[in-house]
């Protein structure tokens, strides 16, 4: 079975890879667990924030 982790933000791929590696180091996760981690391109979460000057 294929395992995929989808993340929405720019840094999510690297962050999740690091977390999984640390879990493997402390033996909380089996070394055979190697999901594909992909960024899921999304737009801005709330277009109303753009009008308030946040984006």
PDB file of N, CA and C in Angstrom:
ATOM      1  N   UNK A   1       0.840  -1.169   0.000  1.00  0.00           N
ATOM      2  CA  UNK A   1       0.000   0.000   0.000  1.00  0.00           C
ATOM      3  C   UNK A   1       0.894   1.245   0.000  1.00  0.00           C
ATOM      4  N   UNK A   2       0.560   2.190  -0.859  1.00  0.00           N
ATOM      5  CA  UNK A   2       1.316   3.442  -0.913  1.00  0.00           C
ATOM      6  C   UNK A   2       0.807   4.383   0.165  1.00  0.00           C
ATOM      7  N   UNK A   3       1.746   5.105   0.751  1.00  0.00           N
ATOM      8  CA  UNK A   3       1.399   6.095   1.761  1.00  0.00           C
ATOM      9  C   UNK A   3       1.880   7.451   1.275  1.00  0.00           C
ATOM     10  N   UNK A   4       0.996   8.428   1.324  1.00  0.00           N
ATOM     11  CA  UNK A   4       1.322   9.774   0.873  1.00  0.00           C
ATOM     12  C   UNK A   4       0.891  10.756   1.950  1.00  0.00           C
ATOM     13  N   UNK A   5       1.747  11.715   2.237  1.00  0.00           N
ATOM     14  CA  UNK A   5       1.397  12.805   3.138  1.00  0.00           C
ATOM     15  C   UNK A   5       1.346  14.063   2.293  1.00  0.00           C
ATOM     16  N   UNK A   6       0.187  14.713   2.259  1.00  0.00           N
ATOM     17  CA  UNK A   6       0.037  15.968   1.534  1.00  0.00           C
ATOM     18  C   UNK A   6       0.169  17.122   2.519  1.00  0.00           C
ATOM     19  N   UNK A   7       0.960  18.108   2.164  1.00  0.00           N
ATOM     20  CA  UNK A   7       1.110  19.302   2.984  1.00  0.00           C
ATOM     21  C   UNK A   7       0.760  20.514   2.140  1.00  0.00           C
ATOM     22  N   UNK A   8       0.344  21.588   2.796  1.00  0.00           N
ATOM     23  CA  UNK A   8      -0.107  22.771   2.064  1.00  0.00           C
ATOM     24  C   UNK A   8       0.915  23.889   2.024  1.00  0.00           C
ATOM     25  N   UNK A   9       1.789  23.961   3.008  1.00  0.00           N
ATOM     26  CA  UNK A   9       2.690  25.112   3.042  1.00  0.00           C
ATOM     27  C   UNK A   9       4.048  24.798   2.421  1.00  0.00           C
ATOM     28  N   UNK A  10       4.822  25.831   2.210  1.00  0.00           N
ATOM     29  CA  UNK A  10       6.109  25.710   1.536  1.00  0.00           C
ATOM     30  C   UNK A  10       7.099  24.846   2.299  1.00  0.00           C
ATOM     31  N   UNK A  11       7.114  24.981   3.611  1.00  0.00           N
ATOM     32  CA  UNK A  11       8.106  24.285   4.426  1.00  0.00           C
ATOM     33  C   UNK A  11       7.619  22.940   4.957  1.00  0.00           C
ATOM     34  N   UNK A  12       6.399  22.578   4.665  1.00  0.00           N
ATOM     35  CA  UNK A  12       5.810  21.355   5.204  1.00  0.00           C
ATOM     36  C   UNK A  12       6.522  20.081   4.794  1.00  0.00           C
ATOM     37  N   UNK A  13       6.997  20.001   3.568  1.00  0.00           N
ATOM     38  CA  UNK A  13       7.660  18.786   3.081  1.00  0.00           C
ATOM     39  C   UNK A  13       8.911  18.514   3.911  1.00  0.00           C
ATOM     40  N   UNK A  14       9.774  19.496   4.030  1.00  0.00           N
ATOM     41  CA  UNK A  14      11.001  19.333   4.798  1.00  0.00           C
ATOM     42  C   UNK A  14      10.737  19.078   6.266  1.00  0.00           C
ATOM     43  N   UNK A  15       9.764  19.783   6.824  1.00  0.00           N
ATOM     44  CA  UNK A  15       9.418  19.616   8.234  1.00  0.00           C
ATOM     45  C   UNK A  15       8.962  18.192   8.525  1.00  0.00           C
ATOM     46  N   UNK A  16       8.053  17.683   7.708  1.00  0.00           N
ATOM     47  CA  UNK A  16       7.536  16.335   7.934  1.00  0.00           C
ATOM     48  C   UNK A  16       8.612  15.275   7.719  1.00  0.00           C
ATOM     49  N   UNK A  17       9.488  15.485   6.759  1.00  0.00           N
ATOM     50  CA  UNK A  17      10.600  14.543   6.573  1.00  0.00           C
ATOM     51  C   UNK A  17      11.470  14.495   7.825  1.00  0.00           C
ATOM     52  N   UNK A  18      11.771  15.665   8.382  1.00  0.00           N
ATOM     53  CA  UNK A  18      12.593  15.747   9.589  1.00  0.00           C
ATOM     54  C   UNK A  18      11.916  15.059  10.764  1.00  0.00           C
ATOM     55  N   UNK A  19      10.629  15.309  10.944  1.00  0.00           N
ATOM     56  CA  UNK A  19       9.888  14.675  12.037  1.00  0.00           C
ATOM     57  C   UNK A  19       9.911  13.154  11.895  1.00  0.00           C
ATOM     58  N   UNK A  20       9.668  12.654  10.687  1.00  0.00           N
ATOM     59  CA  UNK A  20       9.669  11.203  10.471  1.00  0.00           C
ATOM     60  C   UNK A  20      11.039  10.607  10.748  1.00  0.00           C
ATOM     61  N   UNK A  21      12.108  11.277  10.343  1.00  0.00           N
ATOM     62  CA  UNK A  21      13.460  10.777  10.590  1.00  0.00           C
ATOM     63  C   UNK A  21      13.772  10.743  12.083  1.00  0.00           C
ATOM     64  N   UNK A  22      13.350  11.775  12.809  1.00  0.00           N
ATOM     65  CA  UNK A  22      13.578  11.796  14.257  1.00  0.00           C
ATOM     66  C   UNK A  22      12.799  10.685  14.948  1.00  0.00           C
ATOM     67  N   UNK A  23      11.588  10.421  14.493  1.00  0.00           N
ATOM     68  CA  UNK A  23      10.798   9.323  15.067  1.00  0.00           C
ATOM     69  C   UNK A  23      11.452   7.974  14.789  1.00  0.00           C
ATOM     70  N   UNK A  24      12.063   7.835  13.635  1.00  0.00           N
ATOM     71  CA  UNK A  24      12.777   6.597  13.310  1.00  0.00           C
ATOM     72  C   UNK A  24      14.011   6.443  14.188  1.00  0.00           C
ATOM     73  N   UNK A  25      14.718   7.544  14.454  1.00  0.00           N
ATOM     74  CA  UNK A  25      15.922   7.505  15.283  1.00  0.00           C
ATOM     75  C   UNK A  25      15.633   7.025  16.698  1.00  0.00           C
ATOM     76  N   UNK A  26      14.487   7.436  17.241  1.00  0.00           N
ATOM     77  CA  UNK A  26      14.142   7.039  18.618  1.00  0.00           C
ATOM     78  C   UNK A  26      13.272   5.780  18.650  1.00  0.00           C
ATOM     79  N   UNK A  27      13.194   5.100  17.504  1.00  0.00           N
ATOM     80  CA  UNK A  27      12.492   3.816  17.386  1.00  0.00           C
ATOM     81  C   UNK A  27      10.988   3.897  17.666  1.00  0.00           C
ATOM     82  N   UNK A  28      10.396   5.067  17.415  1.00  0.00           N
ATOM     83  CA  UNK A  28       8.948   5.220  17.544  1.00  0.00           C
ATOM     84  C   UNK A  28       8.241   4.926  16.226  1.00  0.00           C
ATOM     85  N   UNK A  29       9.043   4.811  15.174  1.00  0.00           N
ATOM     86  CA  UNK A  29       8.499   4.559  13.847  1.00  0.00           C
ATOM     87  C   UNK A  29       9.404   3.557  13.158  1.00  0.00           C
ATOM     88  N   UNK A  30       8.809   2.608  12.499  1.00  0.00           N
ATOM     89  CA  UNK A  30       9.571   1.578  11.805  1.00  0.00           C
ATOM     90  C   UNK A  30      10.341   2.177  10.629  1.00  0.00           C
ATOM     91  N   UNK A  31      11.568   1.714  10.427  1.00  0.00           N
ATOM     92  CA  UNK A  31      12.399   2.234   9.335  1.00  0.00           C
ATOM     93  C   UNK A  31      11.812   1.953   7.957  1.00  0.00           C
ATOM     94  N   UNK A  32      10.927   0.984   7.857  1.00  0.00           N
ATOM     95  CA  UNK A  32      10.336   0.667   6.555  1.00  0.00           C
ATOM     96  C   UNK A  32       9.225   1.655   6.165  1.00  0.00           C
ATOM     97  N   UNK A  33       8.819   2.509   7.103  1.00  0.00           N
ATOM     98  CA  UNK A  33       7.775   3.496   6.815  1.00  0.00           C
ATOM     99  C   UNK A  33       8.399   4.656   6.050  1.00  0.00           C
ATOM    100  N   UNK A  34       8.151   4.724   4.766  1.00  0.00           N
ATOM    101  CA  UNK A  34       8.710   5.757   3.897  1.00  0.00           C
ATOM    102  C   UNK A  34       7.627   6.329   2.994  1.00  0.00           C
ATOM    103  N   UNK A  35       6.767   7.171   3.553  1.00  0.00           N
ATOM    104  CA  UNK A  35       5.712   7.738   2.709  1.00  0.00           C
ATOM    105  C   UNK A  35       6.270   8.770   1.748  1.00  0.00           C
ATOM    106  N   UNK A  36       5.553   8.975   0.683  1.00  0.00           N
ATOM    107  CA  UNK A  36       5.877  10.058  -0.241  1.00  0.00           C
ATOM    108  C   UNK A  36       5.250  11.327   0.341  1.00  0.00           C
ATOM    109  N   UNK A  37       6.030  12.378   0.445  1.00  0.00           N
ATOM    110  CA  UNK A  37       5.532  13.635   0.999  1.00  0.00           C
ATOM    111  C   UNK A  37       5.507  14.646  -0.128  1.00  0.00           C
ATOM    112  N   UNK A  38       4.326  15.174  -0.405  1.00  0.00           N
ATOM    113  CA  UNK A  38       4.158  16.100  -1.528  1.00  0.00           C
ATOM    114  C   UNK A  38       3.458  17.366  -1.083  1.00  0.00           C
ATOM    115  N   UNK A  39       3.839  18.460  -1.714  1.00  0.00           N
ATOM    116  CA  UNK A  39       3.152  19.718  -1.471  1.00  0.00           C
ATOM    117  C   UNK A  39       1.924  19.769  -2.359  1.00  0.00           C
ATOM    118  N   UNK A  40       0.809  20.061  -1.748  1.00  0.00           N
ATOM    119  CA  UNK A  40      -0.446  20.201  -2.466  1.00  0.00           C
ATOM    120  C   UNK A  40      -0.650  21.686  -2.729  1.00  0.00           C
ATOM    121  N   UNK A  41      -0.467  22.134  -3.967  1.00  0.00           N
ATOM    122  CA  UNK A  41      -0.582  23.568  -4.228  1.00  0.00           C
ATOM    123  C   UNK A  41      -1.992  24.071  -3.938  1.00  0.00           C
ATOM    124  N   UNK A  42      -2.065  25.104  -3.130  1.00  0.00           N
ATOM    125  CA  UNK A  42      -3.359  25.696  -2.788  1.00  0.00           C
ATOM    126  C   UNK A  42      -3.254  27.203  -2.927  1.00  0.00           C
ATOM    127  N   UNK A  43      -4.379  27.826  -2.971  1.00  0.00           N
ATOM    128  CA  UNK A  43      -4.413  29.289  -3.012  1.00  0.00           C
ATOM    129  C   UNK A  43      -4.384  29.846  -1.595  1.00  0.00           C
ATOM    130  N   UNK A  44      -4.593  31.118  -1.472  1.00  0.00           N
ATOM    131  CA  UNK A  44      -4.677  31.746  -0.159  1.00  0.00           C
ATOM    132  C   UNK A  44      -5.875  31.180   0.586  1.00  0.00           C
ATOM    133  N   UNK A  45      -5.725  30.986   1.870  1.00  0.00           N
ATOM    134  CA  UNK A  45      -6.787  30.363   2.661  1.00  0.00           C
ATOM    135  C   UNK A  45      -8.017  31.246   2.788  1.00  0.00           C
ATOM    136  N   UNK A  46      -7.811  32.525   2.980  1.00  0.00           N
ATOM    137  CA  UNK A  46      -8.945  33.410   3.190  1.00  0.00           C
ATOM    138  C   UNK A  46      -8.755  34.672   2.354  1.00  0.00           C
ATOM    139  N   UNK A  47      -9.466  34.795   1.238  1.00  0.00           N
ATOM    140  CA  UNK A  47      -9.277  35.968   0.382  1.00  0.00           C
ATOM    141  C   UNK A  47      -9.653  37.278   1.083  1.00  0.00           C
ATOM    142  N   UNK A  48     -10.460  37.228   2.133  1.00  0.00           N
ATOM    143  CA  UNK A  48     -10.824  38.439   2.881  1.00  0.00           C
ATOM    144  C   UNK A  48      -9.614  39.071   3.556  1.00  0.00           C
ATOM    145  N   UNK A  49      -8.600  38.272   3.882  1.00  0.00           N
ATOM    146  CA  UNK A  49      -7.409  38.823   4.529  1.00  0.00           C
ATOM    147  C   UNK A  49      -6.606  39.697   3.579  1.00  0.00           C
ATOM    148  N   UNK A  50      -6.703  39.430   2.290  1.00  0.00           N
ATOM    149  CA  UNK A  50      -5.966  40.220   1.311  1.00  0.00           C
ATOM    150  C   UNK A  50      -6.429  41.689   1.385  1.00  0.00           C
ATOM    151  N   UNK A  51      -7.712  41.913   1.561  1.00  0.00           N
ATOM    152  CA  UNK A  51      -8.245  43.264   1.652  1.00  0.00           C
ATOM    153  C   UNK A  51      -7.824  43.991   2.918  1.00  0.00           C
ATOM    154  N   UNK A  52      -7.425  43.241   3.942  1.00  0.00           N
ATOM    155  CA  UNK A  52      -6.997  43.848   5.199  1.00  0.00           C
ATOM    156  C   UNK A  52      -5.500  44.133   5.209  1.00  0.00           C
ATOM    157  N   UNK A  53      -4.815  43.825   4.099  1.00  0.00           N
ATOM    158  CA  UNK A  53      -3.409  44.162   3.980  1.00  0.00           C
ATOM    159  C   UNK A  53      -2.458  43.090   4.479  1.00  0.00           C
ATOM    160  N   UNK A  54      -2.959  41.874   4.743  1.00  0.00           N
ATOM    161  CA  UNK A  54      -2.085  40.804   5.214  1.00  0.00           C
ATOM    162  C   UNK A  54      -1.314  40.140   4.077  1.00  0.00           C
ATOM    163  N   UNK A  55      -1.809  40.238   2.839  1.00  0.00           N
ATOM    164  CA  UNK A  55      -1.151  39.597   1.705  1.00  0.00           C
ATOM    165  C   UNK A  55      -0.921  40.592   0.611  1.00  0.00           C
TER     166      UNK A  55
END
